[in-house]
Amino acid sequence: MTGWMAFGRRRHARDPTSAGGGRLPADAGSATVLLLAAMLALGCLAGLALTLTTIGAARQRAAAGADLAALAAAGMPPADAASVCSRAARISAANGTLLVDCHVVADAVEVTVQVALPGVRADVTAHARAGPWGQAAGAYQPPTDPTDTTDTTDTGLGQERASTGR
C-alpha cells in the first residue's frame, strides 16, 4: 500500500519469505494474557473491598441507630413499655433503621434494630441497652450546686465524692 491508505498502518518486521514462514515467535501475546489475569485479580479485589466497606458501613449505621434509640427511650421519664418502645421506634426510623425488638428490663431499655444491606437480601442487626431511668434509684443525679460533692447514687448515698477535679 502506498499513498494515503498506508498512512497510520504499521509495517511489521516479519517477512513471509523468511525462514520462519511469517509466523510470530512462540511467546508472542503472552504479556496480554498476564495483563488480563492481573486486571481480573485487581477487579476481584476491588469488588471485595467494596463489599466489605458496604457491610461495615451498614453495621456502623445499625449500631448508631440502636444506641440512639435506646438512649432516647431511656431518657424518657419512667413510663409504660409501649410508650417507651414507641419513642425508640420513632428514633430508630429517623436514623434509617428498623426497630425489631424493644423491652424494658428493670430500670433499663434494651432495643434491637436491623439495617438492610443494599443489593442483597440480608440484614445487619445491632443491640443496645441504656439505663437506668433518669430518676430511678441508682441513677446518677448531677448536683445543682457545683460546689456540692455529695454522692447521690444509692451506693454512696450521703458520702463525699473524691476530689478528682470534676
Protein backbone atom coordinates (compact mmCIF):
# COMPACT_ATOMS: atom_id res chain seq x y z
CA MET A 1 0.00 0.00 0.00
CA THR A 2 1.18 3.38 -0.84
CA GLY A 3 -0.21 6.81 -0.56
CA TRP A 4 -2.91 7.93 1.84
CA MET A 5 -4.27 4.42 2.57
CA ALA A 6 -0.99 3.28 4.06
CA PHE A 7 -0.89 6.24 6.45
CA GLY A 8 -1.17 5.11 10.07
CA ARG A 9 -0.63 1.44 9.37
CA ARG A 10 2.36 -0.15 10.96
CA ARG A 11 4.65 -2.22 8.91
CA HIS A 12 5.60 -5.47 10.57
CA ALA A 13 9.17 -6.68 10.60
CA ARG A 14 8.18 -10.18 9.52
CA ASP A 15 8.77 -11.23 6.01
CA PRO A 16 6.69 -14.09 4.58
CA THR A 17 9.65 -15.25 2.51
CA SER A 18 11.96 -15.62 5.51
CA ALA A 19 12.82 -18.93 7.16
CA GLY A 20 10.11 -18.52 9.82
CA GLY A 21 7.39 -18.50 7.22
CA GLY A 22 5.94 -15.26 8.56
CA ARG A 23 4.94 -16.74 11.92
CA LEU A 24 5.25 -14.79 15.14
CA PRO A 25 7.55 -16.06 17.90
CA ALA A 26 6.05 -18.68 20.27
CA ASP A 27 5.79 -16.27 23.23
CA ALA A 28 4.07 -13.50 21.27
CA GLY A 29 0.94 -12.30 23.09
CA SER A 30 1.79 -13.89 26.46
CA ALA A 31 2.07 -10.47 28.11
CA THR A 32 -1.53 -9.78 27.10
CA VAL A 33 -2.76 -12.88 28.92
CA LEU A 34 -0.78 -11.97 32.04
CA LEU A 35 -2.08 -8.41 31.93
CA LEU A 36 -5.67 -9.63 31.62
CA ALA A 37 -5.16 -12.01 34.57
CA ALA A 38 -3.71 -9.19 36.68
CA MET A 39 -6.62 -6.90 35.77
CA LEU A 40 -9.12 -9.63 36.67
CA ALA A 41 -7.44 -10.16 40.05
CA LEU A 42 -7.42 -6.41 40.68
CA GLY A 43 -11.11 -6.20 39.80
CA CYS A 44 -11.92 -9.05 42.20
CA LEU A 45 -10.00 -7.33 45.00
CA ALA A 46 -11.81 -4.05 44.32
CA GLY A 47 -15.16 -5.85 44.45
CA LEU A 48 -14.22 -7.49 47.75
CA ALA A 49 -13.13 -4.16 49.21
CA LEU A 50 -16.40 -2.54 48.13
CA THR A 51 -18.43 -5.37 49.67
CA LEU A 52 -16.58 -5.22 52.99
CA THR A 53 -16.87 -1.44 53.11
CA THR A 54 -20.61 -1.61 52.47
CA ILE A 55 -21.11 -4.21 55.20
CA GLY A 56 -19.02 -2.18 57.64
CA ALA A 57 -20.98 0.99 56.92
CA ALA A 58 -24.30 -0.82 57.42
CA ARG A 59 -23.01 -2.30 60.68
CA GLN A 60 -21.99 1.12 61.97
CA ARG A 61 -25.34 2.61 60.95
CA ALA A 62 -27.17 -0.20 62.77
CA ALA A 63 -25.07 0.26 65.92
CA ALA A 64 -25.60 4.03 65.92
CA GLY A 65 -29.34 3.62 65.35
CA ALA A 66 -29.61 1.11 68.20
CA ASP A 67 -27.63 3.33 70.57
CA LEU A 68 -29.67 6.42 69.77
CA ALA A 69 -32.99 4.57 70.05
CA ALA A 70 -32.04 3.09 73.43
CA LEU A 71 -30.77 6.41 74.76
CA ALA A 72 -33.88 8.26 73.61
CA ALA A 73 -36.14 5.68 75.22
CA ALA A 74 -34.13 5.63 78.45
CA GLY A 75 -34.15 9.42 78.57
CA MET A 76 -37.93 9.49 78.94
CA PRO A 77 -39.47 9.75 82.37
CA PRO A 78 -40.44 6.30 83.64
CA ALA A 79 -43.49 5.21 81.66
CA ASP A 80 -45.13 2.09 80.31
CA ALA A 81 -43.18 -0.11 77.91
CA ALA A 82 -45.48 0.72 74.96
CA SER A 83 -44.74 4.46 75.03
CA VAL A 84 -41.04 3.87 75.64
CA CYS A 85 -40.81 1.46 72.70
CA SER A 86 -42.88 3.82 70.55
CA ARG A 87 -40.31 6.54 71.08
CA ALA A 88 -37.48 4.09 70.37
CA ALA A 89 -39.22 3.10 67.10
CA ARG A 90 -39.56 6.76 66.02
CA ILE A 91 -35.90 7.49 66.72
CA SER A 92 -34.85 4.26 65.04
CA ALA A 93 -36.84 5.09 61.89
CA ALA A 94 -35.40 8.61 61.83
CA ASN A 95 -31.93 7.05 61.70
CA GLY A 96 -32.75 4.68 58.84
CA THR A 97 -33.04 1.54 60.94
CA LEU A 98 -35.94 -0.77 61.75
CA LEU A 99 -36.77 -1.49 65.40
CA VAL A 100 -37.13 -5.27 65.71
CA ASP A 101 -37.34 -5.73 69.47
CA CYS A 102 -37.76 -3.41 72.44
CA HIS A 103 -38.36 -4.20 76.07
CA VAL A 104 -37.86 -2.67 79.47
CA VAL A 105 -35.66 -4.71 81.80
CA ALA A 106 -35.74 -3.49 85.41
CA ASP A 107 -34.69 0.15 85.04
CA ALA A 108 -33.13 -0.05 81.55
CA VAL A 109 -34.29 -0.28 77.94
CA GLU A 110 -32.98 -2.92 75.53
CA VAL A 111 -33.51 -2.50 71.79
CA THR A 112 -32.64 -4.49 68.68
CA VAL A 113 -32.58 -2.85 65.25
CA GLN A 114 -31.93 -4.02 61.68
CA VAL A 115 -30.47 -2.35 58.61
CA ALA A 116 -30.90 -3.85 55.14
CA LEU A 117 -27.73 -4.42 53.15
CA PRO A 118 -28.00 -2.75 49.75
CA GLY A 119 -28.08 -5.09 46.79
CA VAL A 120 -28.59 -8.31 48.74
CA ARG A 121 -31.41 -9.88 50.72
CA ALA A 122 -29.65 -9.72 54.08
CA ASP A 123 -29.85 -7.57 57.19
CA VAL A 124 -27.37 -6.36 59.76
CA THR A 125 -28.61 -6.50 63.37
CA ALA A 126 -27.45 -4.43 66.34
CA HIS A 127 -28.38 -4.48 70.03
CA ALA A 128 -28.18 -1.69 72.59
CA ARG A 129 -29.06 -1.21 76.22
CA ALA A 130 -29.45 2.12 78.01
CA GLY A 131 -30.48 2.97 81.52
CA PRO A 132 -31.21 3.36 84.30
CA TRP A 133 -34.09 5.78 84.01
CA GLY A 134 -33.32 9.40 84.72
CA GLN A 135 -34.95 9.45 88.17
CA ALA A 136 -34.59 5.75 89.01
CA ALA A 137 -32.81 4.52 92.08
CA GLY A 138 -29.12 4.11 91.35
CA ALA A 139 -29.08 6.70 88.58
CA TYR A 140 -26.54 9.47 88.98
CA GLN A 141 -28.13 12.84 89.63
CA PRO A 142 -25.85 15.78 88.87
CA PRO A 143 -25.69 18.29 91.71
CA THR A 144 -27.49 21.56 91.21
CA ASP A 145 -24.73 23.34 93.12
CA PRO A 146 -21.28 22.85 91.50
CA THR A 147 -19.59 23.07 94.90
CA ASP A 148 -21.70 20.18 96.26
CA THR A 149 -19.62 16.98 96.27
CA THR A 150 -22.19 14.69 97.86
CA ASP A 151 -22.67 11.38 96.03
CA THR A 152 -26.37 10.96 95.22
CA THR A 153 -26.36 7.40 93.93
CA ASP A 154 -27.77 4.56 96.03
CA THR A 155 -24.36 3.02 96.57
CA GLY A 156 -22.78 6.09 98.09
CA LEU A 157 -25.78 7.95 99.44
CA GLY A 158 -24.56 10.85 101.53
CA GLN A 159 -20.86 10.13 101.04
CA GLU A 160 -18.42 12.71 99.78
CA ARG A 161 -17.05 12.12 96.27
CA ALA A 162 -13.32 12.04 95.89
CA SER A 163 -11.95 15.30 94.62
CA THR A 164 -10.93 14.40 91.05
CA GLY A 165 -11.40 17.80 89.52
CA ARG A 166 -14.95 17.10 88.35
